[in-house]
Each structure stands twice: as C-alpha cells, then as structure tokens.
Amino acid sequence: MRHLHYRRQEKSNGRGIDQCTILTGDIFNLRYVHNSFDLTFTCFVLEHFPRPAEVLKILKNHLRSSGTITVIEGDHVSVFFYPRSEAAHRKIQHLLQ
C-alpha cells in the first residue's frame, strides 16, 4: 500500500502540484503535531472502525483551522455517477466481489 501512495504522489507532482505530500500511518498512533495538515482524506475506511467518530476527532485535531476533511464512505451497492462513468462503475463492481 505504501508503494501505491508514493506512485500517486509522483503522478501528482508531474501535474504541477509541487507542495503535495501523501502520508500513511496508524490513526491511533500518529507522529504528527496537532494543527499540521491542510487536508485529510479517507476512502472506505471509517466503516471498519467500531467508533468512527473517534477517528474523525483525531483527524480534526490534526487539521489547521482552515483545513478540510474529505471522507468517502457508503453503501457500495447504492452508487450513482453523473456523468456516467464505466471505469468508475467497474471499480465499484470489483469492490463488491
């Protein structure tokens, strides 16, 4: 998984985003000081925690005052794309298998 994140960072930097660092870690054992991030992003993660609100509080504590938390969660069966995206639809179908 770590390799995947570094590849994405290189791809982002190739598109002119030069101040983007993608980090991974244990949410309950972060080595970063509070108020140190502009953005946190999770995708299909909270559903795996018994207390997702606790995870969101931790993320919030690590955000700067103008920071943003982006969360993608949901019922994988109830999916709507506009405009329709066959590629995205195939990825969701893969998750359901």
C-alpha atoms as a PDB file:
ATOM      1  CA  MET A   1       0.000   0.000   0.000  1.00  0.00           C
ATOM      2  CA  ARG A   2       2.783   2.438   0.790  1.00  0.00           C
ATOM      3  CA  HIS A   3       4.231   1.923  -2.704  1.00  0.00           C
ATOM      4  CA  LEU A   4       0.867   2.845  -4.225  1.00  0.00           C
ATOM      5  CA  HIS A   5       0.762   6.118  -2.289  1.00  0.00           C
ATOM      6  CA  TYR A   6       4.250   7.127  -3.405  1.00  0.00           C
ATOM      7  CA  ARG A   7       3.361   6.414  -7.037  1.00  0.00           C
ATOM      8  CA  ARG A   8       0.334   8.669  -6.697  1.00  0.00           C
ATOM      9  CA  GLN A   9       2.483  11.424  -5.238  1.00  0.00           C
ATOM     10  CA  GLU A  10       4.868  11.248  -8.190  1.00  0.00           C
ATOM     11  CA  LYS A  11       1.917  11.399 -10.585  1.00  0.00           C
ATOM     12  CA  SER A  12       0.519  14.439  -8.754  1.00  0.00           C
ATOM     13  CA  ASN A  13       3.854  16.222  -8.875  1.00  0.00           C
ATOM     14  CA  GLY A  14       4.012  15.613 -12.616  1.00  0.00           C
ATOM     15  CA  ARG A  15       0.811  17.628 -12.962  1.00  0.00           C
ATOM     16  CA  GLY A  16       2.245  20.748 -11.392  1.00  0.00           C
ATOM     17  CA  ILE A  17       1.263  20.013  -7.798  1.00  0.00           C
ATOM     18  CA  ASP A  18       4.598  20.548  -6.094  1.00  0.00           C
ATOM     19  CA  GLN A  19       3.518  21.012  -2.489  1.00  0.00           C
ATOM     20  CA  CYS A  20       1.650  17.758  -2.026  1.00  0.00           C
ATOM     21  CA  THR A  21       2.863  15.066   0.334  1.00  0.00           C
ATOM     22  CA  ILE A  22       0.844  11.897   0.758  1.00  0.00           C
ATOM     23  CA  LEU A  23       1.358  10.149   4.089  1.00  0.00           C
ATOM     24  CA  THR A  24       0.032   6.936   5.576  1.00  0.00           C
ATOM     25  CA  GLY A  25       0.003   5.814   9.177  1.00  0.00           C
ATOM     26  CA  ASP A  26      -1.806   4.389  12.169  1.00  0.00           C
ATOM     27  CA  ILE A  27      -4.594   6.825  13.077  1.00  0.00           C
ATOM     28  CA  PHE A  28      -4.272   5.955  16.774  1.00  0.00           C
ATOM     29  CA  ASN A  29      -0.509   6.445  16.819  1.00  0.00           C
ATOM     30  CA  LEU A  30       0.221   9.477  14.636  1.00  0.00           C
ATOM     31  CA  ARG A  31       3.654  11.062  14.899  1.00  0.00           C
ATOM     32  CA  TYR A  32       2.475  14.497  13.764  1.00  0.00           C
ATOM     33  CA  VAL A  33       1.670  17.539  15.858  1.00  0.00           C
ATOM     34  CA  HIS A  34      -1.866  18.902  16.042  1.00  0.00           C
ATOM     35  CA  ASN A  35      -2.833  21.629  13.561  1.00  0.00           C
ATOM     36  CA  SER A  36      -0.293  20.441  10.996  1.00  0.00           C
ATOM     37  CA  PHE A  37      -2.390  19.390   7.962  1.00  0.00           C
ATOM     38  CA  ASP A  38      -4.362  21.306   5.340  1.00  0.00           C
ATOM     39  CA  LEU A  39      -6.298  18.230   4.205  1.00  0.00           C
ATOM     40  CA  THR A  40      -7.024  14.710   5.386  1.00  0.00           C
ATOM     41  CA  PHE A  41      -8.608  12.162   3.062  1.00  0.00           C
ATOM     42  CA  THR A  42     -10.141   8.775   3.805  1.00  0.00           C
ATOM     43  CA  CYS A  43     -11.928   6.453   1.423  1.00  0.00           C
ATOM     44  CA  PHE A  44     -13.935   3.429   2.615  1.00  0.00           C
ATOM     45  CA  VAL A  45     -12.055   3.439   5.931  1.00  0.00           C
ATOM     46  CA  LEU A  46     -14.447   4.605   8.658  1.00  0.00           C
ATOM     47  CA  GLU A  47     -16.761   1.646   8.133  1.00  0.00           C
ATOM     48  CA  HIS A  48     -14.014  -0.597   9.540  1.00  0.00           C
ATOM     49  CA  PHE A  49     -13.767   1.163  12.924  1.00  0.00           C
ATOM     50  CA  PRO A  50     -16.092   0.411  15.849  1.00  0.00           C
ATOM     51  CA  ARG A  51     -16.039   4.130  16.829  1.00  0.00           C
ATOM     52  CA  PRO A  52     -15.693   6.180  13.613  1.00  0.00           C
ATOM     53  CA  ALA A  53     -16.470   9.444  15.432  1.00  0.00           C
ATOM     54  CA  GLU A  54     -13.266   8.959  17.434  1.00  0.00           C
ATOM     55  CA  VAL A  55     -11.293   8.693  14.183  1.00  0.00           C
ATOM     56  CA  LEU A  56     -12.899  11.896  12.864  1.00  0.00           C
ATOM     57  CA  LYS A  57     -11.975  13.737  16.091  1.00  0.00           C
ATOM     58  CA  ILE A  58      -8.355  12.655  15.689  1.00  0.00           C
ATOM     59  CA  LEU A  59      -8.331  13.847  12.080  1.00  0.00           C
ATOM     60  CA  LYS A  60      -9.905  17.165  13.109  1.00  0.00           C
ATOM     61  CA  ASN A  61      -7.261  17.701  15.807  1.00  0.00           C
ATOM     62  CA  HIS A  62      -4.504  17.359  13.235  1.00  0.00           C
ATOM     63  CA  LEU A  63      -6.050  19.895  10.836  1.00  0.00           C
ATOM     64  CA  ARG A  64      -5.158  23.548  10.651  1.00  0.00           C
ATOM     65  CA  SER A  65      -8.078  25.875  11.395  1.00  0.00           C
ATOM     66  CA  SER A  66      -8.794  26.287   7.675  1.00  0.00           C
ATOM     67  CA  GLY A  67      -8.222  22.584   6.919  1.00  0.00           C
ATOM     68  CA  THR A  68     -10.600  20.155   5.263  1.00  0.00           C
ATOM     69  CA  ILE A  69     -11.559  16.561   5.985  1.00  0.00           C
ATOM     70  CA  THR A  70     -12.632  14.631   2.898  1.00  0.00           C
ATOM     71  CA  VAL A  71     -14.434  11.353   3.589  1.00  0.00           C
ATOM     72  CA  ILE A  72     -15.799   8.921   1.034  1.00  0.00           C
ATOM     73  CA  GLU A  73     -17.971   6.218   2.570  1.00  0.00           C
ATOM     74  CA  GLY A  74     -21.139   4.469   1.774  1.00  0.00           C
ATOM     75  CA  ASP A  75     -23.141   1.549   0.684  1.00  0.00           C
ATOM     76  CA  HIS A  76     -21.208   0.161  -2.270  1.00  0.00           C
ATOM     77  CA  VAL A  77     -24.407  -1.151  -3.866  1.00  0.00           C
ATOM     78  CA  SER A  78     -26.123   2.265  -3.955  1.00  0.00           C
ATOM     79  CA  VAL A  79     -23.917   4.117  -6.401  1.00  0.00           C
ATOM     80  CA  PHE A  80     -24.770   6.968  -8.758  1.00  0.00           C
ATOM     81  CA  PHE A  81     -22.393   8.523 -11.270  1.00  0.00           C
ATOM     82  CA  TYR A  82     -23.012  11.673 -13.257  1.00  0.00           C
ATOM     83  CA  PRO A  83     -21.926  11.778 -15.902  1.00  0.00           C
ATOM     84  CA  ARG A  84     -21.981   8.013 -16.199  1.00  0.00           C
ATOM     85  CA  SER A  85     -18.505   6.517 -15.871  1.00  0.00           C
ATOM     86  CA  GLU A  86     -17.991   2.938 -16.979  1.00  0.00           C
ATOM     87  CA  ALA A  87     -14.492   2.908 -15.466  1.00  0.00           C
ATOM     88  CA  ALA A  88     -15.777   4.009 -12.043  1.00  0.00           C
ATOM     89  CA  HIS A  89     -18.666   1.548 -12.270  1.00  0.00           C
ATOM     90  CA  ARG A  90     -16.207  -1.320 -12.929  1.00  0.00           C
ATOM     91  CA  LYS A  91     -14.114  -0.298  -9.910  1.00  0.00           C
ATOM     92  CA  ILE A  92     -17.153  -0.320  -7.618  1.00  0.00           C
ATOM     93  CA  GLN A  93     -18.241  -3.695  -9.008  1.00  0.00           C
ATOM     94  CA  HIS A  94     -14.762  -5.026  -8.223  1.00  0.00           C
ATOM     95  CA  LEU A  95     -15.203  -3.942  -4.579  1.00  0.00           C
ATOM     96  CA  LEU A  96     -18.438  -5.902  -4.348  1.00  0.00           C
ATOM     97  CA  GLN A  97     -16.873  -9.183  -5.448  1.00  0.00           C
END
